[in-house]
Amino acid sequence: MPISMSRFNGRLFLSTVVLVAAVATSMAKDEAPSKPNVVLIFVDDMGYGDLGCYGNSKTKTPNIDKLATQGQRWTSFYSSGSTCVPSRTGLMSGRHPALLGKQKLAASPKSVMAAMFKRQGYATAILGKWHLAGYPKDFTQSPMHPLECGFDYHFGTPGSNDVPAPVGKRQNREVFDTCNKFTFQVPLIRGREVVEFPVNQELFTKRYTEEAVKWIHARKEERFFLYLAHNMPHAPVFASKKFQGTSEGGRYGDVIEEVDWSVGKVVAALKEAGVEKNTLVVFTSDNGPWLMFGPHGGTAGPLRGEKGTSWEGGFRVPGIFNWPGTIKPATIDGMAANLDLYSTFAALTGGDEPTDKQGYISTNLSGVLLRQEASPRTQWLFTGGGADAFRSGRYKIHLATKTHSSDPDTRKRVSPVRRDPPLLFDLQAEISEQTNLADSKPDEIARLLAEMKAFRKN
């Protein structure tokens, strides 16, 4: 039977439409970001001004700088607290540490970030400092051990590298000046087994990096979440032999440059494993630098204040996001906090959020990362040690301030100074918080006080 040209053309047209639609769908799938691996590099006490990409001219950080120039570098990225535990509490839970009330993290370990990844089928690992379980008599059996909070693999320390203090002494400037790599009796733990006590602190960064590289290669066929939580550059600062005396920034600079080396090795491992283009790398710090310890601390750059204060230098930290082929290079001046990573990671991986938990205020930053939209965060509450401040947009008020958290010699806690009326600063005009505008802008103070009250009510 002769073939009808009209029927033939109709079939050809339909076939062409189906083919074009299939190709378009395929292209759309290729262009849309799939669930990424996530590598979260969280350093300890690194200041806003410690990296080349944030203005440091002495310490060389080419690997971190490259992450920043090829990804997004945020200029108003905040820690959840100005000290170790509050910052990690916010990071791992998405909950503001000042808004938890009586609901402690120990009551819901399965709401921790790693558990969210685990429920999505991700392999999960923590290498480094935990500091969400305090210092129990036996950390290996703690109900807040990382293995109880969604991590498959754990290698690191219970908390900071200066706890416990040497017998009969406190963690002060003299001890940091004279200690050696074994002075502080810190255990190194793999899973639930203590593998070295006291740990050789010169090898912290090197060991974690080697573990990270091995773990990435072993998990390259899976989706994975790697939380690389360096002990450094928290005082006392130590670098391995290869990096000692190599930096223009002194001993502290040596430590920063080894951390930069570590970042380079991790990124190289992602490339070697063939997963670089499907991996989101985030680099940030838990809080600002410990300036009161001189050479054992870093720099906040143009910012006022340090660790343990509500000034920008205590909370504002490096915030770098890199995802090759997905995140376009940009400098982001919008506001965000490390607790926003929870909602962001959940959005990118299809994970669930603990929205029923008191104090959960994590906001999704994926629109900024993927499309350079405006940041959804416009407010931030700064609390800790009696110091209180609040930012809304360009303005920030201080209700109580501290110059530093404690005396560097005696370690006696410094009392906050109450500010009535509150101090007022325009961070858009001056991030160094030097010019108090309280007398000329009482309406702004009233507005921020009202917004701060509402924020606290969550």
Protein backbone atom coordinates (compact mmCIF):
# COMPACT_ATOMS: atom_id res chain seq x y z
CA MET A 1 0.00 0.00 0.00
CA PRO A 2 1.43 3.39 -0.94
CA ILE A 3 2.53 5.55 1.95
CA SER A 4 0.51 8.73 2.50
CA MET A 5 2.82 11.74 2.54
CA SER A 6 0.49 13.58 4.90
CA ARG A 7 0.59 10.66 7.35
CA PHE A 8 4.36 10.40 6.91
CA ASN A 9 4.89 14.13 7.49
CA GLY A 10 2.63 13.98 10.54
CA ARG A 11 4.60 11.09 12.01
CA LEU A 12 7.88 12.83 11.19
CA PHE A 13 6.64 16.00 12.87
CA LEU A 14 5.52 14.14 15.98
CA SER A 15 8.81 12.24 16.10
CA THR A 16 10.74 15.48 15.79
CA VAL A 17 8.71 17.09 18.59
CA VAL A 18 9.29 14.09 20.86
CA LEU A 19 13.01 14.09 20.06
CA VAL A 20 13.37 17.83 20.68
CA ALA A 21 11.44 17.56 23.93
CA ALA A 22 13.63 14.68 25.07
CA VAL A 23 16.80 16.60 24.26
CA ALA A 24 15.50 19.71 26.02
CA THR A 25 14.58 17.67 29.08
CA SER A 26 18.01 16.06 29.07
CA MET A 27 19.71 19.46 28.76
CA ALA A 28 17.58 20.87 31.55
CA LYS A 29 18.56 17.98 33.78
CA ASP A 30 22.21 18.53 32.96
CA GLU A 31 21.96 22.26 33.65
CA ALA A 32 20.03 21.92 36.92
CA PRO A 33 22.24 21.17 39.91
CA SER A 34 21.88 17.63 41.19
CA LYS A 35 22.22 16.77 44.84
CA PRO A 36 25.80 17.77 45.62
CA ASN A 37 28.39 16.31 47.89
CA VAL A 38 29.16 18.81 50.64
CA VAL A 39 32.55 19.53 52.18
CA LEU A 40 32.27 21.93 55.10
CA ILE A 41 35.66 23.22 56.27
CA PHE A 42 35.28 24.86 59.67
CA VAL A 43 38.37 26.40 61.24
CA ASP A 44 38.79 27.56 64.83
CA ASP A 45 39.34 31.22 65.81
CA MET A 46 40.38 32.43 62.35
CA GLY A 47 39.84 36.16 62.01
CA TYR A 48 38.11 38.06 59.21
CA GLY A 49 41.48 39.50 58.19
CA ASP A 50 43.58 36.33 58.28
CA LEU A 51 43.26 35.42 54.59
CA GLY A 52 44.67 37.03 51.48
CA CYS A 53 41.22 37.26 49.90
CA TYR A 54 40.09 39.30 52.93
CA GLY A 55 43.03 41.67 52.82
CA ASN A 56 45.94 39.94 54.60
CA SER A 57 49.25 40.79 52.93
CA LYS A 58 51.63 38.78 55.13
CA THR A 59 50.13 35.31 55.22
CA LYS A 60 49.94 33.48 51.90
CA THR A 61 46.67 31.61 51.31
CA PRO A 62 46.56 30.88 47.56
CA ASN A 63 44.31 27.82 47.78
CA ILE A 64 41.62 29.48 49.86
CA ASP A 65 41.92 32.64 47.78
CA LYS A 66 41.31 30.55 44.66
CA LEU A 67 38.17 29.06 46.20
CA ALA A 68 36.99 32.60 46.83
CA THR A 69 37.79 34.06 43.40
CA GLN A 70 36.23 31.09 41.60
CA GLY A 71 33.18 31.02 43.88
CA GLN A 72 31.34 33.37 46.19
CA ARG A 73 33.11 35.40 48.88
CA TRP A 74 30.70 36.77 51.46
CA THR A 75 31.60 39.97 53.31
CA SER A 76 28.89 39.86 56.03
CA PHE A 77 28.97 36.22 57.05
CA TYR A 78 28.44 35.67 60.78
CA SER A 79 29.18 32.92 63.25
CA SER A 80 26.30 31.85 65.51
CA GLY A 81 28.34 32.78 68.55
CA SER A 82 31.57 34.56 69.35
CA THR A 83 32.99 31.47 71.09
CA CYS A 84 33.34 27.80 70.19
CA VAL A 85 30.28 26.04 71.61
CA PRO A 86 27.56 28.56 70.69
CA SER A 87 28.91 28.81 67.16
CA ARG A 88 28.92 25.04 66.71
CA THR A 89 25.49 24.77 68.27
CA GLY A 90 24.07 27.11 65.64
CA LEU A 91 26.01 25.51 62.81
CA MET A 92 24.97 21.94 63.54
CA SER A 93 21.36 22.64 64.52
CA GLY A 94 20.24 25.71 62.54
CA ARG A 95 19.07 27.08 65.89
CA HIS A 96 20.22 30.37 67.40
CA PRO A 97 22.05 29.51 70.64
CA ALA A 98 20.37 32.40 72.47
CA LEU A 99 16.89 31.17 71.52
CA LEU A 100 17.09 27.53 72.58
CA GLY A 101 15.42 28.09 75.93
CA LYS A 102 15.35 24.83 77.85
CA GLN A 103 15.53 22.70 74.70
CA LYS A 104 19.14 21.54 74.60
CA LEU A 105 20.69 19.73 71.63
CA ALA A 106 21.24 16.60 73.71
CA ALA A 107 17.48 16.10 73.75
CA SER A 108 17.37 15.66 69.96
CA PRO A 109 20.68 14.37 68.51
CA LYS A 110 18.88 13.18 65.38
CA SER A 111 18.06 16.77 64.47
CA VAL A 112 21.77 17.59 64.06
CA MET A 113 22.90 18.46 60.51
CA ALA A 114 24.76 15.19 59.90
CA ALA A 115 21.62 13.18 60.71
CA MET A 116 19.74 15.17 58.08
CA PHE A 117 22.35 14.19 55.49
CA LYS A 118 22.25 10.59 56.72
CA ARG A 119 18.50 10.38 56.12
CA GLN A 120 19.17 11.38 52.49
CA GLY A 121 21.50 8.40 52.06
CA TYR A 122 24.72 10.41 52.35
CA ALA A 123 27.93 8.97 53.78
CA THR A 124 28.97 11.28 56.64
CA ALA A 125 32.23 11.99 58.42
CA ILE A 126 33.64 14.44 60.95
CA LEU A 127 37.38 15.02 61.13
CA GLY A 128 38.54 17.36 63.89
CA LYS A 129 36.97 19.22 66.76
CA TRP A 130 33.41 18.41 67.91
CA HIS A 131 32.70 20.49 71.05
CA LEU A 132 28.98 19.78 71.26
CA ALA A 133 29.21 17.31 74.13
CA GLY A 134 31.20 19.30 76.67
CA TYR A 135 33.96 17.31 78.39
CA PRO A 136 32.26 14.27 79.93
CA LYS A 137 34.27 11.79 81.96
CA ASP A 138 34.16 9.40 79.00
CA PHE A 139 33.52 11.23 75.74
CA THR A 140 33.56 7.97 73.78
CA GLN A 141 30.27 6.98 75.45
CA SER A 142 28.58 10.38 75.37
CA PRO A 143 25.00 10.48 74.03
CA MET A 144 26.19 13.51 72.03
CA HIS A 145 29.16 11.68 70.51
CA PRO A 146 29.28 12.36 66.73
CA LEU A 147 28.39 8.71 66.02
CA GLU A 148 25.10 9.33 67.85
CA CYS A 149 24.39 12.45 65.80
CA GLY A 150 24.38 11.09 62.25
CA PHE A 151 28.09 10.69 61.51
CA ASP A 152 29.31 7.35 60.13
CA TYR A 153 32.94 8.15 60.83
CA HIS A 154 34.70 10.21 63.47
CA PHE A 155 38.35 11.13 63.99
CA GLY A 156 39.28 14.04 66.20
CA THR A 157 39.05 15.65 69.63
CA PRO A 158 36.14 16.17 72.04
CA GLY A 159 36.69 19.93 72.07
CA SER A 160 39.36 22.62 71.97
CA ASN A 161 43.05 21.85 71.96
CA ASP A 162 43.60 23.83 75.18
CA VAL A 163 41.40 21.64 77.39
CA PRO A 164 42.21 20.43 79.93
CA ALA A 165 44.75 22.99 81.13
CA PRO A 166 48.07 21.76 82.57
CA VAL A 167 47.73 20.73 86.23
CA GLY A 168 47.67 23.77 88.51
CA LYS A 169 47.53 26.25 85.64
CA ARG A 170 45.02 28.09 83.49
CA GLN A 171 44.91 28.73 79.78
CA ASN A 172 46.66 32.08 79.88
CA ARG A 173 49.26 33.98 77.89
CA GLU A 174 52.21 32.59 79.88
CA VAL A 175 51.14 28.99 79.34
CA PHE A 176 50.63 29.57 75.61
CA ASP A 177 54.06 31.23 75.43
CA THR A 178 55.88 28.31 77.08
CA CYS A 179 53.89 25.16 76.21
CA ASN A 180 55.02 22.44 73.84
CA LYS A 181 53.08 20.13 71.56
CA PHE A 182 52.32 17.69 74.40
CA THR A 183 51.62 20.14 77.26
CA PHE A 184 47.85 19.98 76.95
CA GLN A 185 46.45 16.54 77.73
CA VAL A 186 44.13 16.27 74.75
CA PRO A 187 43.01 12.86 73.46
CA LEU A 188 42.82 11.95 69.77
CA ILE A 189 39.88 9.62 69.19
CA ARG A 190 38.88 7.46 66.24
CA GLY A 191 35.26 6.46 66.57
CA ARG A 192 35.06 5.39 70.21
CA GLU A 193 38.72 4.50 70.68
CA VAL A 194 41.42 6.79 72.04
CA VAL A 195 44.32 6.35 69.63
CA GLU A 196 46.77 8.87 71.09
CA PHE A 197 47.06 10.60 74.46
CA PRO A 198 48.18 13.29 74.68
CA VAL A 199 47.97 14.06 70.99
CA ASN A 200 50.92 15.65 69.19
CA GLN A 201 49.40 19.03 68.34
CA GLU A 202 51.90 19.76 65.58
CA LEU A 203 50.23 17.03 63.53
CA PHE A 204 46.58 18.06 63.85
CA THR A 205 46.20 19.73 60.46
CA LYS A 206 48.35 17.20 58.61
CA ARG A 207 46.52 14.19 60.04
CA TYR A 208 43.04 15.53 59.39
CA THR A 209 44.01 16.38 55.83
CA GLU A 210 45.38 12.91 55.14
CA GLU A 211 42.21 11.37 56.59
CA ALA A 212 40.06 13.67 54.45
CA VAL A 213 41.86 12.72 51.25
CA LYS A 214 41.53 8.99 51.98
CA TRP A 215 37.89 9.30 52.95
CA ILE A 216 36.97 11.25 49.80
CA HIS A 217 38.54 8.61 47.56
CA ALA A 218 36.81 5.82 49.48
CA ARG A 219 33.39 7.49 49.15
CA LYS A 220 33.64 8.86 45.60
CA GLU A 221 30.89 6.52 44.34
CA GLU A 222 28.47 7.77 47.02
CA ARG A 223 26.93 11.07 47.97
CA PHE A 224 28.88 12.36 50.94
CA PHE A 225 29.04 15.04 53.62
CA LEU A 226 32.47 15.76 55.04
CA TYR A 227 32.76 18.05 58.06
CA LEU A 228 36.43 19.00 58.36
CA ALA A 229 36.59 20.90 61.65
CA HIS A 230 40.20 21.94 62.19
CA ASN A 231 41.47 22.50 65.74
CA MET A 232 43.71 25.24 64.39
CA PRO A 233 44.28 28.16 64.63
CA HIS A 234 42.91 28.03 68.20
CA ALA A 235 45.61 28.75 70.82
CA PRO A 236 48.00 27.12 71.45
CA VAL A 237 48.92 27.22 67.77
CA PHE A 238 51.09 24.53 66.20
CA ALA A 239 52.11 23.68 62.65
CA SER A 240 53.92 20.60 61.37
CA LYS A 241 57.69 20.71 60.74
CA LYS A 242 57.27 21.50 57.04
CA PHE A 243 55.49 24.77 57.81
CA GLN A 244 57.35 25.97 60.89
CA GLY A 245 59.14 29.27 60.37
CA THR A 246 57.98 29.63 56.75
CA SER A 247 55.45 32.45 57.02
CA GLU A 248 55.94 36.21 57.23
CA GLY A 249 53.08 36.12 59.73
CA GLY A 250 55.09 34.34 62.42
CA ARG A 251 54.02 31.17 64.16
CA TYR A 252 50.34 31.98 63.71
CA GLY A 253 50.95 32.61 60.02
CA ASP A 254 52.65 29.21 59.74
CA VAL A 255 49.47 27.62 61.05
CA ILE A 256 47.23 29.54 58.62
CA GLU A 257 49.43 28.59 55.69
CA GLU A 258 49.21 24.93 56.67
CA VAL A 259 45.43 25.21 56.81
CA ASP A 260 45.60 26.70 53.30
CA TRP A 261 47.74 23.75 52.20
CA SER A 262 45.10 21.46 53.65
CA VAL A 263 42.36 23.13 51.61
CA GLY A 264 44.47 22.66 48.49
CA LYS A 265 44.91 18.95 49.19
CA VAL A 266 41.18 18.45 49.79
CA VAL A 267 40.24 20.22 46.56
CA ALA A 268 42.87 18.19 44.69
CA ALA A 269 41.38 15.00 46.13
CA LEU A 270 37.94 16.00 44.84
CA LYS A 271 39.42 16.49 41.36
CA GLU A 272 41.31 13.20 41.46
CA ALA A 273 38.17 11.39 42.58
CA GLY A 274 36.22 12.93 39.70
CA VAL A 275 33.64 14.59 41.96
CA GLU A 276 34.80 18.22 42.01
CA LYS A 277 31.97 19.49 39.79
CA ASN A 278 29.34 17.88 41.96
CA THR A 279 30.75 19.04 45.29
CA LEU A 280 29.90 22.19 47.21
CA VAL A 281 32.84 23.34 49.33
CA VAL A 282 32.15 25.81 52.14
CA PHE A 283 34.94 27.45 54.14
CA THR A 284 34.33 29.48 57.28
CA SER A 285 35.44 30.03 60.88
CA ASP A 286 33.66 29.43 64.18
CA ASN A 287 34.26 32.98 65.46
CA GLY A 288 36.72 35.84 65.36
CA PRO A 289 40.38 35.83 66.47
CA TRP A 290 41.69 35.69 70.05
CA LEU A 291 43.51 39.00 69.85
CA MET A 292 44.20 39.17 73.58
CA PHE A 293 46.80 36.42 73.20
CA GLY A 294 49.00 38.42 70.85
CA PRO A 295 51.06 36.16 68.55
CA HIS A 296 48.80 33.20 69.36
CA GLY A 297 45.84 34.93 67.70
CA GLY A 298 45.08 36.36 64.28
CA THR A 299 43.58 39.58 63.00
CA ALA A 300 40.07 40.86 62.48
CA GLY A 301 41.37 43.22 59.79
CA PRO A 302 39.31 46.41 59.66
CA LEU A 303 36.81 45.13 62.23
CA ARG A 304 36.58 46.15 65.85
CA GLY A 305 36.67 43.56 68.63
CA GLU A 306 37.64 39.91 68.92
CA LYS A 307 36.48 36.48 70.02
CA GLY A 308 34.10 36.68 72.97
CA THR A 309 32.72 40.13 72.11
CA SER A 310 29.63 41.37 70.25
CA TRP A 311 31.69 43.66 68.00
CA GLU A 312 31.97 42.70 64.34
CA GLY A 313 35.43 41.25 64.97
CA GLY A 314 33.90 38.62 67.25
CA PHE A 315 31.19 37.43 64.87
CA ARG A 316 32.01 38.41 61.29
CA VAL A 317 34.14 35.68 59.70
CA PRO A 318 35.28 34.49 56.27
CA GLY A 319 32.46 32.87 54.31
CA ILE A 320 33.41 31.17 51.04
CA PHE A 321 31.23 28.97 48.79
CA ASN A 322 32.65 27.09 45.81
CA TRP A 323 30.84 24.71 43.45
CA PRO A 324 32.56 24.57 40.02
CA GLY A 325 30.18 25.14 37.13
CA THR A 326 27.26 25.92 39.42
CA ILE A 327 28.20 28.87 41.64
CA LYS A 328 29.37 31.82 39.56
CA PRO A 329 32.21 34.00 40.89
CA ALA A 330 30.90 36.92 42.93
CA THR A 331 31.40 38.99 46.04
CA ILE A 332 28.26 38.88 48.17
CA ASP A 333 27.64 41.76 50.56
CA GLY A 334 24.34 40.38 51.84
CA MET A 335 24.04 39.09 55.38
CA ALA A 336 24.12 35.41 56.41
CA ALA A 337 25.11 33.26 59.37
CA ASN A 338 26.58 29.81 59.73
CA LEU A 339 23.27 28.47 61.05
CA ASP A 340 21.80 29.27 57.61
CA LEU A 341 23.86 26.41 56.20
CA TYR A 342 21.37 23.90 57.63
CA SER A 343 18.42 25.13 55.57
CA THR A 344 20.68 25.69 52.56
CA PHE A 345 22.05 22.16 52.60
CA ALA A 346 18.55 20.77 53.14
CA ALA A 347 17.25 22.68 50.12
CA LEU A 348 20.11 21.49 47.89
CA THR A 349 19.83 17.83 48.94
CA GLY A 350 16.10 17.43 49.54
CA GLY A 351 16.65 17.06 53.28
CA ASP A 352 14.22 17.78 56.09
CA GLU A 353 14.49 20.73 58.48
CA PRO A 354 13.81 20.66 62.25
CA THR A 355 11.33 23.51 62.06
CA ASP A 356 9.59 22.26 65.19
CA LYS A 357 12.68 22.90 67.31
CA GLN A 358 12.77 26.04 69.40
CA GLY A 359 15.16 28.65 68.04
CA TYR A 360 15.35 27.19 64.52
CA ILE A 361 15.79 30.26 62.31
CA SER A 362 17.97 28.89 59.50
CA THR A 363 17.30 30.57 56.14
CA ASN A 364 17.88 29.05 52.72
CA LEU A 365 20.77 30.72 50.86
CA SER A 366 20.52 28.59 47.72
CA GLY A 367 18.93 31.42 45.74
CA VAL A 368 22.01 33.54 46.39
CA LEU A 369 24.39 30.70 45.57
CA LEU A 370 22.69 29.54 42.38
CA ARG A 371 21.16 32.75 41.02
CA GLN A 372 22.84 35.57 42.97
CA GLU A 373 19.52 36.67 44.44
CA ALA A 374 19.43 38.96 47.46
CA SER A 375 20.15 37.21 50.74
CA PRO A 376 16.99 36.34 52.71
CA ARG A 377 18.71 37.25 55.98
CA THR A 378 18.43 40.90 56.94
CA GLN A 379 18.80 40.67 60.74
CA TRP A 380 21.22 39.18 63.24
CA LEU A 381 21.33 38.88 67.03
CA PHE A 382 24.78 38.99 68.66
CA THR A 383 24.92 37.46 72.16
CA GLY A 384 27.48 35.93 74.47
CA GLY A 385 29.08 36.52 77.85
CA GLY A 386 26.68 39.35 78.64
CA ALA A 387 27.46 41.33 75.48
CA ASP A 388 24.37 42.03 73.38
CA ALA A 389 23.90 43.62 69.99
CA PHE A 390 21.46 43.50 67.09
CA ARG A 391 21.76 44.31 63.41
CA SER A 392 19.00 45.10 60.94
CA GLY A 393 20.09 46.06 57.44
CA ARG A 394 22.86 48.61 57.59
CA TYR A 395 22.40 49.59 61.24
CA LYS A 396 23.57 47.85 64.41
CA ILE A 397 22.90 48.65 68.06
CA HIS A 398 24.95 47.56 71.10
CA LEU A 399 23.12 47.20 74.41
CA ALA A 400 26.18 45.87 76.27
CA THR A 401 29.81 45.66 75.16
CA LYS A 402 33.10 44.05 76.16
CA THR A 403 36.64 44.77 74.96
CA HIS A 404 37.55 41.09 75.35
CA SER A 405 36.11 38.01 77.01
CA SER A 406 38.59 37.63 79.89
CA ASP A 407 41.92 38.85 81.25
CA PRO A 408 44.72 37.16 79.22
CA ASP A 409 46.88 36.69 82.33
CA THR A 410 44.40 35.74 85.05
CA ARG A 411 41.57 34.54 82.76
CA LYS A 412 39.13 36.32 85.04
CA ARG A 413 35.94 37.04 83.13
CA VAL A 414 35.47 40.63 81.96
CA SER A 415 32.12 42.18 82.89
CA PRO A 416 30.12 43.83 80.12
CA VAL A 417 29.45 47.57 80.05
CA ARG A 418 25.76 48.43 79.75
CA ARG A 419 24.92 51.02 77.07
CA ASP A 420 21.91 53.25 77.72
CA PRO A 421 21.03 54.51 75.25
CA PRO A 422 22.42 51.78 73.00
CA LEU A 423 25.34 52.56 70.73
CA LEU A 424 24.36 52.86 67.07
CA PHE A 425 26.60 52.21 64.07
CA ASP A 426 26.07 52.33 60.31
CA LEU A 427 27.90 49.24 59.05
CA GLN A 428 27.36 50.15 55.43
CA ALA A 429 29.26 53.39 55.91
CA GLU A 430 31.80 52.11 58.42
CA ILE A 431 32.37 48.47 59.32
CA SER A 432 34.92 49.40 61.99
CA GLU A 433 32.16 50.56 64.39
CA GLN A 434 33.89 53.77 65.44
CA THR A 435 31.29 56.50 64.94
CA ASN A 436 28.38 56.29 67.38
CA LEU A 437 25.26 57.78 65.76
CA ALA A 438 22.95 57.37 68.76
CA ASP A 439 22.41 61.10 69.35
CA SER A 440 21.48 61.85 65.76
CA LYS A 441 19.32 58.82 64.98
CA PRO A 442 17.09 57.98 67.97
CA ASP A 443 14.36 56.68 65.62
CA GLU A 444 16.72 54.05 64.25
CA ILE A 445 17.52 52.90 67.78
CA ALA A 446 13.81 52.61 68.58
CA ARG A 447 13.22 50.62 65.38
CA LEU A 448 16.08 48.20 66.07
CA LEU A 449 15.01 47.69 69.69
CA ALA A 450 11.52 46.73 68.51
CA GLU A 451 12.90 44.40 65.84
CA MET A 452 15.29 42.84 68.35
CA LYS A 453 12.39 42.11 70.69
CA ALA A 454 10.47 40.44 67.87
CA PHE A 455 13.55 38.48 66.79
CA ARG A 456 14.00 37.12 70.32
CA LYS A 457 10.40 35.92 70.27
CA ASN A 458 11.32 33.93 67.14
